[in-house]
Amino acid sequence: MTTYVNAQVKEPAEEFYKIAEQYYETKGSNDFSPEKAYQLFRKGAVLGHVPSKNMAYVVFNVYPKTLFPHMEEAIHYLADAAKANNKFAQFNLGMVLTQGSYLEKNVTLANKWLYSSALLGFKRAHVHHGINLVNQYMPQRNEMKLSEEAYDVIVSELTHAEELKHIEGVVQLARFQFVATGNLEEVQRLMKLAIEWGGEDAINLLKTTEFWDVVNK
């Protein structure tokens, strides 16, 4: 009997999700309403549909000013979806905690969610986990001796940035290689990739790094 009831709940939830997805694809049109999109995903979320919970947050995050009254609920749905092993929700929750948006900033906890998302196959999570590790390492690099294992973890995470053409990830990998190994040849290779993919935006980001003046002498 329980299985039958669960199936009955699951079927309308998935149908609500499909309808919400189709509507959300119209965003940007004159007839699109963020409130309506949120409420459509919310229908599935209320029924416990995990992807709907994540997407309710996504809609809120795209239109936070318009949907501000739903912030607490949207974050609650996101946390629920992350705990249910939705890799996209885990990534999104990791980014919320990294940036301190909507929740208190907690990079240590953010890294746990990002790494969990990465293990579930979301490659962007690898990159942002690596970026967080570099940003945590940099302020204490003079006092902290980096173990070979820690070095390998950071490089392994940020290597995914090349595959994804993720400009910030490549720049952070270049920063890390410069500080950890002083390998200017590798730094220059990564710089060229970042500029090739990001142009002026990448150059502006590179100008904030520890190696820009050294490499451009």
Protein backbone atom coordinates (compact mmCIF):
# COMPACT_ATOMS: atom_id res chain seq x y z
CA MET A 1 0.00 0.00 0.00
CA THR A 2 2.83 2.41 0.91
CA THR A 3 4.59 1.83 -2.44
CA TYR A 4 1.37 2.63 -4.29
CA VAL A 5 0.86 5.86 -2.34
CA ASN A 6 4.48 6.93 -2.97
CA ALA A 7 4.05 6.28 -6.69
CA GLN A 8 0.89 8.37 -6.69
CA VAL A 9 2.78 11.27 -5.11
CA LYS A 10 5.85 10.90 -7.33
CA GLU A 11 3.96 10.97 -10.62
CA PRO A 12 2.24 14.39 -10.20
CA ALA A 13 5.44 15.84 -8.73
CA GLU A 14 7.41 14.88 -11.83
CA GLU A 15 4.63 16.23 -14.03
CA PHE A 16 4.74 19.54 -12.14
CA TYR A 17 8.50 19.59 -12.68
CA LYS A 18 8.19 19.13 -16.44
CA ILE A 19 5.63 21.92 -16.66
CA ALA A 20 7.85 24.19 -14.53
CA GLU A 21 10.90 23.42 -16.67
CA GLN A 22 9.05 24.24 -19.87
CA TYR A 23 7.84 27.51 -18.39
CA TYR A 24 11.28 28.44 -17.08
CA GLU A 25 12.70 28.03 -20.59
CA THR A 26 10.64 31.09 -21.57
CA LYS A 27 12.56 33.36 -19.16
CA GLY A 28 13.51 36.61 -20.79
CA SER A 29 10.25 36.87 -22.68
CA ASN A 30 7.78 39.64 -21.93
CA ASP A 31 5.24 37.17 -20.56
CA PHE A 32 7.65 35.45 -18.14
CA SER A 33 7.01 35.89 -14.42
CA PRO A 34 9.68 34.90 -11.84
CA GLU A 35 6.93 34.49 -9.24
CA LYS A 36 5.03 32.06 -11.45
CA ALA A 37 8.20 30.10 -12.23
CA TYR A 38 9.00 29.83 -8.52
CA GLN A 39 5.48 28.70 -7.66
CA LEU A 40 5.52 26.06 -10.43
CA PHE A 41 8.71 24.49 -9.07
CA ARG A 42 7.35 24.90 -5.55
CA LYS A 43 4.43 22.60 -6.40
CA GLY A 44 6.84 19.72 -6.89
CA ALA A 45 8.99 20.79 -3.95
CA VAL A 46 6.02 20.64 -1.59
CA LEU A 47 5.50 17.04 -2.68
CA GLY A 48 9.11 16.21 -1.87
CA HIS A 49 10.46 16.20 -5.44
CA VAL A 50 14.21 16.81 -5.01
CA PRO A 51 15.03 18.43 -8.41
CA SER A 52 12.06 20.78 -7.90
CA LYS A 53 13.51 21.86 -4.55
CA ASN A 54 16.83 22.71 -6.18
CA MET A 55 15.18 24.57 -9.03
CA ALA A 56 12.97 26.58 -6.69
CA TYR A 57 16.22 27.89 -5.21
CA VAL A 58 17.74 28.45 -8.68
CA VAL A 59 14.80 30.64 -9.72
CA PHE A 60 15.03 32.58 -6.47
CA ASN A 61 18.79 33.06 -6.95
CA VAL A 62 18.31 34.44 -10.47
CA TYR A 63 15.63 36.88 -9.29
CA PRO A 64 16.49 37.51 -5.60
CA LYS A 65 15.04 41.01 -5.41
CA THR A 66 11.73 40.03 -6.96
CA LEU A 67 11.48 36.82 -4.94
CA PHE A 68 12.98 38.10 -1.68
CA PRO A 69 9.92 37.08 0.40
CA HIS A 70 10.67 33.45 -0.55
CA MET A 71 14.34 33.51 0.49
CA GLU A 72 14.05 31.47 3.68
CA GLU A 73 11.86 28.87 2.00
CA ALA A 74 14.12 28.65 -1.07
CA ILE A 75 17.22 28.07 1.08
CA HIS A 76 15.34 25.44 3.08
CA TYR A 77 14.45 23.61 -0.14
CA LEU A 78 18.06 23.87 -1.33
CA ALA A 79 19.40 22.36 1.90
CA ASP A 80 16.84 19.55 1.68
CA ALA A 81 17.87 18.75 -1.89
CA ALA A 82 21.57 18.80 -0.96
CA LYS A 83 20.95 16.37 1.91
CA ALA A 84 19.09 14.14 -0.56
CA ASN A 85 22.31 13.85 -2.63
CA ASN A 86 21.29 16.08 -5.51
CA LYS A 87 24.69 17.07 -6.96
CA PHE A 88 23.41 20.37 -8.35
CA ALA A 89 21.89 21.36 -5.00
CA GLN A 90 25.10 20.40 -3.22
CA PHE A 91 27.07 22.62 -5.61
CA ASN A 92 24.62 25.50 -5.16
CA LEU A 93 24.69 25.18 -1.38
CA GLY A 94 28.50 25.10 -1.49
CA MET A 95 28.52 28.34 -3.47
CA VAL A 96 26.04 30.01 -1.08
CA LEU A 97 28.31 29.13 1.85
CA THR A 98 31.43 30.19 -0.05
CA GLN A 99 30.03 33.61 -0.92
CA GLY A 100 28.10 34.18 2.29
CA SER A 101 24.97 34.93 0.27
CA TYR A 102 21.69 34.18 2.09
CA LEU A 103 23.61 32.20 4.76
CA GLU A 104 26.61 33.00 6.95
CA LYS A 105 29.87 32.42 5.10
CA ASN A 106 31.46 29.09 6.00
CA VAL A 107 34.14 27.96 3.54
CA THR A 108 34.97 24.80 5.48
CA LEU A 109 31.36 23.62 5.25
CA ALA A 110 31.15 24.87 1.67
CA ASN A 111 34.09 22.65 0.75
CA LYS A 112 32.32 19.61 2.15
CA TRP A 113 29.30 20.22 -0.06
CA LEU A 114 31.38 21.07 -3.13
CA TYR A 115 33.50 17.96 -2.74
CA SER A 116 30.40 15.82 -2.26
CA SER A 117 28.93 17.29 -5.46
CA ALA A 118 32.21 16.61 -7.26
CA LEU A 119 32.20 12.98 -6.13
CA LEU A 120 28.70 12.67 -7.60
CA GLY A 121 30.12 13.74 -10.98
CA PHE A 122 29.61 17.51 -11.18
CA LYS A 123 32.93 18.76 -12.56
CA ARG A 124 32.38 22.45 -11.83
CA ALA A 125 32.27 21.51 -8.16
CA HIS A 126 35.83 20.18 -8.43
CA VAL A 127 36.96 23.56 -9.77
CA HIS A 128 35.28 25.66 -7.09
CA HIS A 129 36.48 23.31 -4.37
CA GLY A 130 40.00 23.85 -5.72
CA ILE A 131 39.53 27.63 -5.85
CA ASN A 132 38.45 27.62 -2.21
CA LEU A 133 41.48 25.53 -1.23
CA VAL A 134 43.84 27.96 -2.98
CA ASN A 135 42.20 30.97 -1.33
CA GLN A 136 42.50 29.29 2.06
CA TYR A 137 46.14 28.40 1.46
CA MET A 138 47.40 31.75 0.17
CA PRO A 139 47.17 33.86 3.37
CA GLN A 140 49.09 31.26 5.39
CA ARG A 141 51.51 30.02 2.74
CA ASN A 142 54.57 31.49 4.49
CA GLU A 143 53.83 29.69 7.76
CA MET A 144 52.28 26.53 6.37
CA LYS A 145 54.33 23.73 4.83
CA LEU A 146 52.19 22.14 2.13
CA SER A 147 52.24 18.36 2.13
CA GLU A 148 52.63 16.45 -1.11
CA GLU A 149 49.13 15.06 -0.61
CA ALA A 150 47.61 18.54 -0.16
CA TYR A 151 49.44 19.79 -3.25
CA ASP A 152 48.14 16.87 -5.31
CA VAL A 153 44.56 17.47 -4.13
CA ILE A 154 44.57 21.13 -5.17
CA VAL A 155 46.15 20.46 -8.56
CA SER A 156 43.80 17.54 -9.18
CA GLU A 157 40.72 19.65 -8.41
CA LEU A 158 41.82 22.61 -10.54
CA THR A 159 42.93 20.48 -13.49
CA HIS A 160 39.22 20.19 -14.34
CA ALA A 161 39.26 23.93 -15.10
CA GLU A 162 41.13 23.33 -18.35
CA GLU A 163 38.58 20.81 -19.55
CA LEU A 164 35.72 23.18 -18.70
CA LYS A 165 37.53 26.31 -19.97
CA HIS A 166 36.86 27.81 -16.55
CA ILE A 167 38.85 31.04 -16.54
CA GLU A 168 38.93 31.69 -12.79
CA GLY A 169 39.89 28.08 -12.14
CA VAL A 170 42.81 28.27 -14.58
CA VAL A 171 44.01 31.56 -13.08
CA GLN A 172 43.84 30.11 -9.57
CA LEU A 173 45.80 27.07 -10.72
CA ALA A 174 48.44 29.42 -12.16
CA ARG A 175 48.58 31.32 -8.84
CA PHE A 176 49.00 28.11 -6.93
CA GLN A 177 51.71 26.76 -9.23
CA PHE A 178 53.61 30.05 -9.01
CA VAL A 179 53.57 30.15 -5.21
CA ALA A 180 53.93 26.42 -4.55
CA THR A 181 56.50 25.50 -7.22
CA GLY A 182 57.70 28.67 -8.96
CA ASN A 183 57.15 26.91 -12.29
CA LEU A 184 57.00 29.96 -14.59
CA GLU A 185 56.69 27.87 -17.72
CA GLU A 186 53.49 26.28 -16.43
CA VAL A 187 52.23 29.65 -15.18
CA GLN A 188 52.72 31.19 -18.63
CA ARG A 189 50.94 28.27 -20.30
CA LEU A 190 47.95 28.69 -18.01
CA MET A 191 47.97 32.47 -18.52
CA LYS A 192 47.76 32.02 -22.29
CA LEU A 193 44.79 29.69 -21.92
CA ALA A 194 42.97 32.14 -19.65
CA ILE A 195 43.53 35.04 -22.06
CA GLU A 196 42.53 32.91 -25.04
CA TRP A 197 39.22 32.05 -23.38
CA GLY A 198 38.49 35.25 -21.50
CA GLY A 199 40.20 38.10 -23.29
CA GLU A 200 40.22 41.42 -21.42
CA ASP A 201 38.27 39.98 -18.47
CA ALA A 202 40.95 37.35 -18.00
CA ILE A 203 43.72 39.95 -18.22
CA ASN A 204 42.04 42.06 -15.52
CA LEU A 205 41.85 38.98 -13.30
CA LEU A 206 45.46 38.05 -14.01
CA LYS A 207 46.61 41.55 -13.04
CA THR A 208 45.48 40.84 -9.48
CA THR A 209 47.72 37.77 -9.14
CA GLU A 210 51.08 37.40 -7.41
CA PHE A 211 52.89 36.59 -10.66
CA TRP A 212 51.64 39.21 -13.15
CA ASP A 213 54.50 41.65 -12.65
CA VAL A 214 57.08 38.84 -12.52
CA VAL A 215 55.96 37.19 -15.74
CA ASN A 216 55.53 40.48 -17.61
CA LYS A 217 58.94 42.01 -16.83
